[in-house]
Amino acid sequence: LGNLSGTTSVTHVYLSAGTYTAVVTLVDASGERVTTSAVVRVVPAVPLNVNISASPTTGTVDEVVTFTATVGGSTVLIQSFDWSFGDGTGVTTSGTTVNHIYTTAGTRTVTVTATTVEGVSGSSQVTLIVVPLVIEVTVNINPLTANSGAPVTFTATVSPGTVVIVRYDWIFGDASGSIASTTGRTTTFAYGVLDKGFTRTVTVTAVAFDGTSTQTQGLVNINP
């Protein structure tokens, strides 16, 4: 090949451990070639040091829970975070934080797997307790004493206020057994002549979007 000098370089990423033979062939302008090789031993990659935290650590149905992953080593370049929320759902993100809402109560084991651009990964888990959502409803009646035939206004208030109510079921307790369902929290009703001189019990049931419901009652006096 004559007198040749100089260097060249190439990079390669091995995706699995093992012993490899790297071969390079040099070809000059006349077509003559020379080949040399080197043995490369690739050891298994050390799994990433991954940690996961949840806020809050005890969640409530329909409440947003925030999960955060941290990876040891400031120079580590993460390609993806794969999240499994323990309720049959999951998501892949490029960021370290994700939000999730649980629709049923129970104990959930949440797993995050971080994977680098080289394919090295590491996982971490956290256990989260999801408690049922407690809904309370109150009813305001105006007026509390009414004449037969005069409208009475009923207004239901649900707490916590973040709960999405899809329906209010009303039982007015009158002699005719009147009932109603509304999507709004306010309704009106007029008691009849058969209700004169009686105290009637009105019942309202608030139904949330996940089927959870709560009930309360109030009294209406009907003048003779």
Protein backbone atom coordinates (compact mmCIF):
# COMPACT_ATOMS: atom_id res chain seq x y z
CA LEU A 1 0.00 0.00 0.00
CA GLY A 2 2.94 2.34 0.22
CA ASN A 3 3.40 4.93 2.88
CA LEU A 4 0.06 5.99 4.33
CA SER A 5 -0.60 8.00 7.44
CA GLY A 6 -3.56 9.62 9.13
CA THR A 7 -6.50 8.54 11.20
CA THR A 8 -10.23 8.27 10.79
CA SER A 9 -12.95 7.36 13.25
CA VAL A 10 -16.50 6.06 13.35
CA THR A 11 -18.97 5.62 16.21
CA HIS A 12 -21.36 2.76 16.88
CA VAL A 13 -23.81 1.91 19.66
CA TYR A 14 -24.09 -1.73 20.73
CA LEU A 15 -27.61 -2.60 21.86
CA SER A 16 -26.74 -5.76 23.77
CA ALA A 17 -23.85 -7.15 25.75
CA GLY A 18 -21.37 -9.58 24.22
CA THR A 19 -18.01 -9.93 22.49
CA TYR A 20 -17.79 -8.38 19.04
CA THR A 21 -15.09 -8.23 16.38
CA ALA A 22 -14.83 -4.87 14.70
CA VAL A 23 -13.23 -5.10 11.26
CA VAL A 24 -11.90 -2.25 9.12
CA THR A 25 -10.60 -2.57 5.56
CA LEU A 26 -8.43 0.12 4.00
CA VAL A 27 -8.37 0.44 0.21
CA ASP A 28 -5.88 2.68 -1.57
CA ALA A 29 -6.23 4.40 -4.95
CA SER A 30 -4.81 1.41 -6.81
CA GLY A 31 -7.30 -0.96 -5.29
CA GLU A 32 -4.95 -2.63 -2.87
CA ARG A 33 -6.43 -3.29 0.52
CA VAL A 34 -5.47 -4.27 4.00
CA THR A 35 -7.78 -5.44 6.79
CA THR A 36 -7.38 -5.29 10.53
CA SER A 37 -9.69 -6.02 13.43
CA ALA A 38 -10.21 -5.42 17.12
CA VAL A 39 -12.19 -7.28 19.75
CA VAL A 40 -14.78 -5.23 21.57
CA ARG A 41 -16.26 -6.50 24.79
CA VAL A 42 -19.61 -4.90 25.65
CA VAL A 43 -20.74 -5.30 29.23
CA PRO A 44 -24.40 -5.06 30.28
CA ALA A 45 -25.57 -1.52 30.86
CA VAL A 46 -26.24 -0.54 34.44
CA PRO A 47 -30.02 -0.02 34.88
CA LEU A 48 -31.08 3.55 35.39
CA ASN A 49 -31.70 4.78 38.90
CA VAL A 50 -35.35 5.84 38.61
CA ASN A 51 -37.66 7.09 41.35
CA ILE A 52 -41.37 7.93 41.19
CA SER A 53 -43.48 10.07 43.51
CA ALA A 54 -47.23 10.76 43.68
CA SER A 55 -49.10 13.85 44.83
CA PRO A 56 -51.30 13.31 46.72
CA THR A 57 -50.22 9.91 48.02
CA THR A 58 -53.83 9.09 48.90
CA GLY A 59 -56.15 10.11 46.08
CA THR A 60 -59.88 10.42 45.69
CA VAL A 61 -62.02 9.18 42.83
CA ASP A 62 -62.28 11.90 40.13
CA GLU A 63 -59.32 13.79 41.64
CA VAL A 64 -56.20 14.66 39.62
CA VAL A 65 -53.10 12.80 40.83
CA THR A 66 -49.68 14.02 39.66
CA PHE A 67 -46.83 11.54 39.18
CA THR A 68 -43.21 12.67 38.87
CA ALA A 69 -40.21 10.58 37.79
CA THR A 70 -36.61 11.45 38.61
CA VAL A 71 -33.57 9.81 37.04
CA GLY A 72 -30.13 9.75 38.64
CA GLY A 73 -27.30 11.24 36.62
CA SER A 74 -27.55 14.72 35.21
CA THR A 75 -26.01 13.69 31.85
CA VAL A 76 -28.52 10.92 31.15
CA LEU A 77 -30.57 11.65 28.04
CA ILE A 78 -34.02 10.11 28.41
CA GLN A 79 -35.97 9.25 25.28
CA SER A 80 -39.27 8.23 26.90
CA PHE A 81 -41.16 7.57 30.12
CA ASP A 82 -43.67 4.72 30.00
CA TRP A 83 -46.34 5.01 32.69
CA SER A 84 -48.69 2.26 33.89
CA PHE A 85 -51.34 3.61 36.28
CA GLY A 86 -52.47 0.30 37.77
CA ASP A 87 -56.02 0.62 36.49
CA GLY A 88 -55.47 -0.90 33.06
CA THR A 89 -54.41 2.38 31.47
CA GLY A 90 -51.06 3.92 30.64
CA VAL A 91 -49.29 6.56 28.61
CA THR A 92 -45.87 7.35 27.15
CA THR A 93 -44.39 10.81 27.66
CA SER A 94 -41.16 12.64 26.98
CA GLY A 95 -41.50 14.68 30.16
CA THR A 96 -40.99 13.64 33.76
CA THR A 97 -44.47 14.54 35.01
CA VAL A 98 -47.90 13.18 34.16
CA ASN A 99 -51.43 13.62 35.56
CA HIS A 100 -54.07 10.91 35.92
CA ILE A 101 -57.65 10.67 37.20
CA TYR A 102 -58.96 7.45 38.74
CA THR A 103 -62.65 6.69 38.25
CA THR A 104 -62.87 3.84 40.77
CA ALA A 105 -61.60 3.33 44.30
CA GLY A 106 -58.90 0.82 45.27
CA THR A 107 -55.17 0.32 45.75
CA ARG A 108 -53.16 1.03 42.61
CA THR A 109 -49.53 0.17 41.85
CA VAL A 110 -48.12 2.77 39.45
CA THR A 111 -45.01 1.95 37.42
CA VAL A 112 -42.77 4.22 35.38
CA THR A 113 -40.04 2.96 33.05
CA ALA A 114 -37.47 5.46 31.80
CA THR A 115 -35.54 4.59 28.64
CA THR A 116 -32.46 6.38 27.32
CA VAL A 117 -31.67 7.04 23.66
CA GLU A 118 -29.21 4.12 23.86
CA GLY A 119 -31.97 1.76 25.02
CA VAL A 120 -30.93 1.54 28.66
CA SER A 121 -33.92 1.50 30.99
CA GLY A 122 -34.90 1.50 34.62
CA SER A 123 -38.20 1.30 36.48
CA SER A 124 -39.75 2.41 39.73
CA GLN A 125 -43.11 1.86 41.43
CA VAL A 126 -45.32 3.64 43.90
CA THR A 127 -48.48 2.42 45.62
CA LEU A 128 -51.45 4.78 45.66
CA ILE A 129 -54.67 4.38 47.64
CA VAL A 130 -57.73 5.78 45.87
CA VAL A 131 -60.68 6.34 48.20
CA PRO A 132 -64.31 6.76 47.15
CA LEU A 133 -65.54 10.26 46.51
CA VAL A 134 -67.84 11.43 49.28
CA ILE A 135 -70.61 13.63 47.90
CA GLU A 136 -72.92 15.70 50.09
CA VAL A 137 -76.06 17.52 48.98
CA THR A 138 -78.24 20.06 50.75
CA VAL A 139 -81.56 21.53 49.63
CA ASN A 140 -82.83 25.07 50.06
CA ILE A 141 -86.62 25.57 50.03
CA ASN A 142 -88.24 28.93 49.32
CA PRO A 143 -90.69 29.60 50.82
CA LEU A 144 -90.79 27.09 53.64
CA THR A 145 -94.54 27.73 54.04
CA ALA A 146 -96.68 28.10 50.93
CA ASN A 147 -100.26 28.17 49.75
CA SER A 148 -101.56 25.37 47.57
CA GLY A 149 -101.14 26.25 43.92
CA ALA A 150 -98.26 28.65 44.64
CA PRO A 151 -94.82 27.68 43.26
CA VAL A 152 -92.15 26.56 45.70
CA THR A 153 -88.52 26.76 44.58
CA PHE A 154 -86.10 23.98 45.49
CA THR A 155 -82.34 24.43 45.05
CA ALA A 156 -79.81 21.63 45.59
CA THR A 157 -76.17 22.32 46.44
CA VAL A 158 -73.54 19.61 46.05
CA SER A 159 -70.12 19.51 47.65
CA PRO A 160 -67.35 19.30 46.70
CA GLY A 161 -68.16 21.78 43.97
CA THR A 162 -65.85 20.05 41.50
CA VAL A 163 -68.17 17.04 41.21
CA VAL A 164 -69.93 16.83 37.84
CA ILE A 165 -73.63 16.17 38.49
CA VAL A 166 -75.55 14.78 35.54
CA ARG A 167 -79.02 14.58 37.11
CA TYR A 168 -81.13 15.63 40.06
CA ASP A 169 -84.07 13.36 40.94
CA TRP A 170 -86.87 15.00 42.92
CA ILE A 171 -89.67 13.44 44.97
CA PHE A 172 -92.01 16.19 46.16
CA GLY A 173 -93.93 14.15 48.76
CA ASP A 174 -97.33 15.52 47.66
CA ALA A 175 -100.61 13.61 47.71
CA SER A 176 -100.28 12.79 44.00
CA GLY A 177 -96.77 11.30 44.29
CA SER A 178 -95.19 13.79 41.89
CA ILE A 179 -91.59 13.28 40.79
CA ALA A 180 -89.21 15.05 38.41
CA SER A 181 -85.67 14.78 37.02
CA THR A 182 -83.62 17.85 36.11
CA THR A 183 -80.11 18.54 34.84
CA GLY A 184 -80.04 21.84 36.72
CA ARG A 185 -79.96 22.09 40.47
CA THR A 186 -83.10 24.24 40.79
CA THR A 187 -86.72 23.30 40.19
CA THR A 188 -90.17 24.60 41.15
CA PHE A 189 -93.32 22.77 42.19
CA ALA A 190 -96.82 23.78 43.29
CA TYR A 191 -98.65 21.65 45.84
CA GLY A 192 -102.32 20.88 45.27
CA VAL A 193 -105.49 21.22 47.31
CA LEU A 194 -105.03 17.73 48.76
CA ASP A 195 -101.83 18.96 50.40
CA LYS A 196 -103.49 21.80 52.35
CA GLY A 197 -102.70 21.74 56.04
CA PHE A 198 -99.94 19.15 55.64
CA THR A 199 -96.17 19.19 55.98
CA ARG A 200 -94.64 17.56 52.93
CA THR A 201 -91.19 16.00 52.69
CA VAL A 202 -89.24 16.69 49.51
CA THR A 203 -86.36 14.39 48.59
CA VAL A 204 -83.57 15.19 46.13
CA THR A 205 -80.96 12.74 44.85
CA ALA A 206 -77.88 14.12 43.08
CA VAL A 207 -76.30 11.68 40.61
CA ALA A 208 -72.67 12.19 39.55
CA PHE A 209 -71.26 11.28 36.14
CA ASP A 210 -69.70 8.06 37.47
CA GLY A 211 -73.01 6.87 38.96
CA THR A 212 -72.23 7.95 42.52
CA SER A 213 -75.24 9.49 44.21
CA THR A 214 -76.26 11.20 47.43
CA GLN A 215 -79.60 12.19 48.88
CA THR A 216 -81.16 14.67 51.28
CA GLN A 217 -84.61 15.83 52.38
CA GLY A 218 -86.43 19.01 53.35
CA LEU A 219 -89.86 19.99 54.70
CA VAL A 220 -92.52 22.24 53.19
CA ASN A 221 -95.55 23.47 55.13
CA ILE A 222 -98.73 23.92 53.08
CA ASN A 223 -101.25 26.35 54.50
CA PRO A 224 -104.78 25.06 55.21
